[in-house]
C-alpha cells in the first residue's frame, strides 16, 4: 500500500465543535475529517468521495495551546443602531502553534506526491487552509516518518477526544470516533483512521 508523510505548520486555527453555539468551542487537535478536507484542497479535488477509503494518521510535536478570544457581535434587535441590546459578547477558542505530521495511505498519497512533483498542473482557487479559509497553513512538506518523541492520535473506545472522521454536508451525515493522545504506540494500526462513510 502506498504511504506518504507530510509535516505541517498552522500558526493559528480553530476546529469548531459541531454543537457549539454562542461559545465557539474548538477541538484541541484537528479532526481527521478536517485534515482530509485540507488534503483534498491540496490536490485540487472537490469531490469528497473521490478518495474515500484513505487512511490517515496524525502525530503532534506537543499538545497545542488553546486561547479564548472575546469579540463584540452585532445583532439587530432594536431599530436604534447603538442600542445596548444590539451588541453581545462572543467567545471563540483558537489553537496556536500547531505543528504536526500526517501519514496518508491509499490513492490520495499518490495524488499528493504528484501535486508536489507537478504543482503547475493543479487547479486551486485559494490558499491552503486547515478548516475555515482564514486558518491558513504556514508550511507543508513531504518528510519521512515523525520523530520518536511525538504525541499520536490513537483510536480508543475510552478516549476523551470525540472527533469527526467523515462529514457529508449534503446528507448531513457526520461520523465520530473516540481518540486519545499517546506517546507510546504498541500497535501501529491503532494510529490510522479510515476516512469513509
Protein backbone atom coordinates (compact mmCIF):
# COMPACT_ATOMS: atom_id res chain seq x y z
CA UNK A 1 0.00 0.00 0.00
CA UNK A 2 1.28 3.47 -0.90
CA UNK A 3 2.20 5.61 2.12
CA UNK A 4 3.43 9.19 2.41
CA UNK A 5 4.13 11.50 5.37
CA UNK A 6 3.67 15.29 5.47
CA UNK A 7 4.91 17.81 8.02
CA UNK A 8 2.56 20.74 8.54
CA UNK A 9 2.54 24.02 10.49
CA UNK A 10 -0.53 26.14 11.18
CA UNK A 11 0.14 29.27 13.30
CA UNK A 12 -3.49 29.88 14.30
CA UNK A 13 -6.61 27.83 13.65
CA UNK A 14 -9.89 26.72 15.13
CA UNK A 15 -11.77 23.42 14.86
CA UNK A 16 -15.26 24.28 15.97
CA UNK A 17 -17.19 21.67 17.90
CA UNK A 18 -20.36 20.98 15.84
CA UNK A 19 -22.80 21.53 18.72
CA UNK A 20 -21.18 24.76 19.95
CA UNK A 21 -23.36 27.86 19.60
CA UNK A 22 -22.72 31.14 21.47
CA UNK A 23 -19.42 29.88 22.85
CA UNK A 24 -17.37 28.78 19.81
CA UNK A 25 -15.53 25.89 21.43
CA UNK A 26 -12.68 24.28 19.48
CA UNK A 27 -11.37 20.73 19.40
CA UNK A 28 -7.83 20.56 20.80
CA UNK A 29 -6.44 18.90 17.65
CA UNK A 30 -7.63 18.88 14.03
CA UNK A 31 -10.23 16.16 13.39
CA UNK A 32 -9.35 13.57 10.73
CA UNK A 33 -12.24 14.87 8.57
CA UNK A 34 -10.73 18.39 8.60
CA UNK A 35 -7.28 17.09 7.66
CA UNK A 36 -8.83 15.01 4.86
CA UNK A 37 -10.58 18.13 3.52
CA UNK A 38 -7.31 20.07 3.60
CA UNK A 39 -5.55 17.28 1.69
CA UNK A 40 -8.30 17.27 -0.95
CA UNK A 41 -7.79 21.04 -1.35
CA UNK A 42 -4.04 20.43 -1.65
CA UNK A 43 -4.55 18.22 -4.72
CA UNK A 44 -7.38 20.37 -6.14
CA UNK A 45 -10.16 17.79 -5.61
CA UNK A 46 -13.75 18.92 -4.91
CA UNK A 47 -15.46 15.54 -4.65
CA UNK A 48 -15.09 14.32 -1.06
CA UNK A 49 -15.94 10.74 -2.03
CA UNK A 50 -13.16 10.61 -4.67
CA UNK A 51 -10.56 9.32 -2.19
CA UNK A 52 -12.88 7.60 0.31
CA UNK A 53 -11.03 4.74 1.96
CA UNK A 54 -7.89 6.82 2.54
CA UNK A 55 -6.21 6.08 5.86
CA UNK A 56 -4.81 8.97 7.92
CA UNK A 57 -2.52 9.07 10.96
CA UNK A 58 -1.81 12.24 12.96
CA UNK A 59 1.17 12.95 15.22
CA UNK A 60 1.84 16.17 17.13
CA UNK A 61 5.03 17.83 18.33
CA UNK A 62 3.26 18.79 21.57
CA UNK A 63 -0.22 19.48 22.88
CA UNK A 64 -1.19 22.75 21.16
CA UNK A 65 -2.01 25.91 23.13
CA UNK A 66 -5.67 26.88 23.36
CA UNK A 67 -6.68 30.54 23.81
CA UNK A 68 -10.02 32.27 24.25
CA UNK A 69 -10.92 35.37 22.22
CA UNK A 70 -13.57 37.86 23.24
CA UNK A 71 -15.23 39.73 20.39
CA UNK A 72 -18.22 42.04 20.22
CA UNK A 73 -21.02 40.83 17.94
CA UNK A 74 -23.75 42.96 16.44
CA UNK A 75 -27.27 41.55 16.20
CA UNK A 76 -30.20 43.68 15.06
CA UNK A 77 -32.82 43.61 17.84
CA UNK A 78 -33.68 47.28 18.14
CA UNK A 79 -34.13 49.82 15.32
CA UNK A 80 -31.80 52.22 17.16
CA UNK A 81 -28.41 51.01 15.92
CA UNK A 82 -26.47 51.91 19.07
CA UNK A 83 -28.99 50.34 21.47
CA UNK A 84 -27.15 48.12 24.02
CA UNK A 85 -29.36 45.11 23.22
CA UNK A 86 -27.90 45.08 19.67
CA UNK A 87 -24.45 44.14 20.99
CA UNK A 88 -23.43 40.93 22.71
CA UNK A 89 -20.12 39.29 23.67
CA UNK A 90 -18.86 36.45 21.53
CA UNK A 91 -16.26 33.96 22.75
CA UNK A 92 -14.13 31.89 20.40
CA UNK A 93 -11.43 29.34 21.16
CA UNK A 94 -8.35 29.23 18.91
CA UNK A 95 -5.40 26.86 18.70
CA UNK A 96 -1.94 28.38 18.23
CA UNK A 97 1.40 26.90 17.24
CA UNK A 98 0.07 23.69 15.72
CA UNK A 99 2.97 21.57 14.40
CA UNK A 100 2.01 18.08 13.25
CA UNK A 101 2.64 15.20 10.89
CA UNK A 102 0.11 13.47 8.63
CA UNK A 103 0.50 9.88 7.47
CA UNK A 104 -1.52 9.07 4.34
CA UNK A 105 -2.17 5.61 2.92
CA UNK A 106 -4.00 4.88 -0.32
CA UNK A 107 -4.61 6.57 -3.68
CA UNK A 108 -4.62 10.03 -2.11
CA UNK A 109 -0.93 9.52 -1.23
CA UNK A 110 -0.17 9.13 -4.95
CA UNK A 111 -2.17 12.27 -5.80
CA UNK A 112 -0.29 14.26 -3.11
CA UNK A 113 3.08 13.06 -4.42
CA UNK A 114 2.04 14.14 -7.95
CA UNK A 115 0.85 17.52 -6.62
CA UNK A 116 4.27 18.23 -5.09
CA UNK A 117 6.09 16.94 -8.19
CA UNK A 118 3.93 18.93 -10.68
CA UNK A 119 2.36 21.94 -8.89
CA UNK A 120 1.72 23.74 -12.20
CA UNK A 121 -0.91 21.11 -13.10
CA UNK A 122 -3.10 21.86 -10.05
CA UNK A 123 -6.33 23.85 -10.27
CA UNK A 124 -6.97 25.50 -6.92
CA UNK A 125 -8.97 28.61 -6.01
CA UNK A 126 -7.45 29.89 -2.76
CA UNK A 127 -4.74 29.46 -0.15
CA UNK A 128 -4.41 26.14 1.65
CA UNK A 129 -6.22 26.22 4.98
CA UNK A 130 -6.95 23.79 7.79
CA UNK A 131 -10.69 24.15 8.26
CA UNK A 132 -12.02 27.65 7.64
CA UNK A 133 -10.49 29.85 4.93
CA UNK A 134 -8.75 32.17 7.41
CA UNK A 135 -6.94 29.24 9.12
CA UNK A 136 -4.09 29.23 6.62
CA UNK A 137 -1.31 26.65 6.55
CA UNK A 138 2.13 28.21 7.08
CA UNK A 139 4.13 25.33 5.60
CA UNK A 140 3.59 21.78 4.35
CA UNK A 141 6.21 19.39 3.00
CA UNK A 142 6.86 15.72 2.30
CA UNK A 143 9.04 14.14 5.00
CA UNK A 144 9.96 10.77 6.45
CA UNK A 145 8.12 9.44 9.50
CA UNK A 146 7.75 11.74 12.54
CA UNK A 147 10.41 11.79 15.26
CA UNK A 148 10.08 9.31 18.12
CA UNK A 149 9.05 11.82 20.79
CA UNK A 150 5.67 12.81 19.39
CA UNK A 151 2.08 12.53 20.56
CA UNK A 152 -0.05 10.23 18.42
CA UNK A 153 -3.79 10.44 17.87
CA UNK A 154 -4.83 6.89 18.74
CA UNK A 155 -8.24 5.27 18.23
CA UNK A 156 -9.57 4.30 21.66
CA UNK A 157 -13.05 3.29 22.80
CA UNK A 158 -12.40 5.06 26.12
CA UNK A 159 -10.62 8.13 24.69
CA UNK A 160 -11.54 11.63 25.84
CA UNK A 161 -11.48 13.14 22.32
CA UNK A 162 -14.58 12.50 20.19
CA UNK A 163 -13.68 13.74 16.69
CA UNK A 164 -15.43 13.55 13.31
CA UNK A 165 -13.72 11.42 10.68
CA UNK A 166 -16.34 11.75 7.92
CA UNK A 167 -18.55 14.76 7.14
CA UNK A 168 -21.10 14.88 4.31
CA UNK A 169 -22.79 18.29 4.17
CA UNK A 170 -25.30 17.19 1.50
CA UNK A 171 -26.82 14.42 3.62
CA UNK A 172 -25.86 15.99 6.97
CA UNK A 173 -24.09 12.75 7.85
CA UNK A 174 -21.24 13.16 10.33
CA UNK A 175 -19.45 10.14 11.78
CA UNK A 176 -17.43 10.35 15.00
CA UNK A 177 -14.68 8.22 16.54
CA UNK A 178 -13.15 8.30 20.03
CA UNK A 179 -9.43 9.05 20.31
CA UNK A 180 -6.75 9.70 22.88
CA UNK A 181 -3.27 11.22 22.68
CA UNK A 182 -0.47 8.78 23.44
CA UNK A 183 3.29 8.81 23.22
CA UNK A 184 3.98 5.09 23.09
CA UNK A 185 2.23 3.17 20.32
CA UNK A 186 2.07 -0.57 20.87
CA UNK A 187 0.10 -1.36 17.71
CA UNK A 188 0.86 0.79 14.64
CA UNK A 189 -2.60 0.08 13.16
CA UNK A 190 -4.21 1.99 16.05
CA UNK A 191 -2.98 5.30 14.66
CA UNK A 192 -4.60 5.03 11.21
CA UNK A 193 -8.23 6.06 10.67
CA UNK A 194 -10.07 5.03 7.52
CA UNK A 195 -11.86 8.04 6.01
CA UNK A 196 -15.12 6.74 4.57
CA UNK A 197 -18.85 6.77 5.28
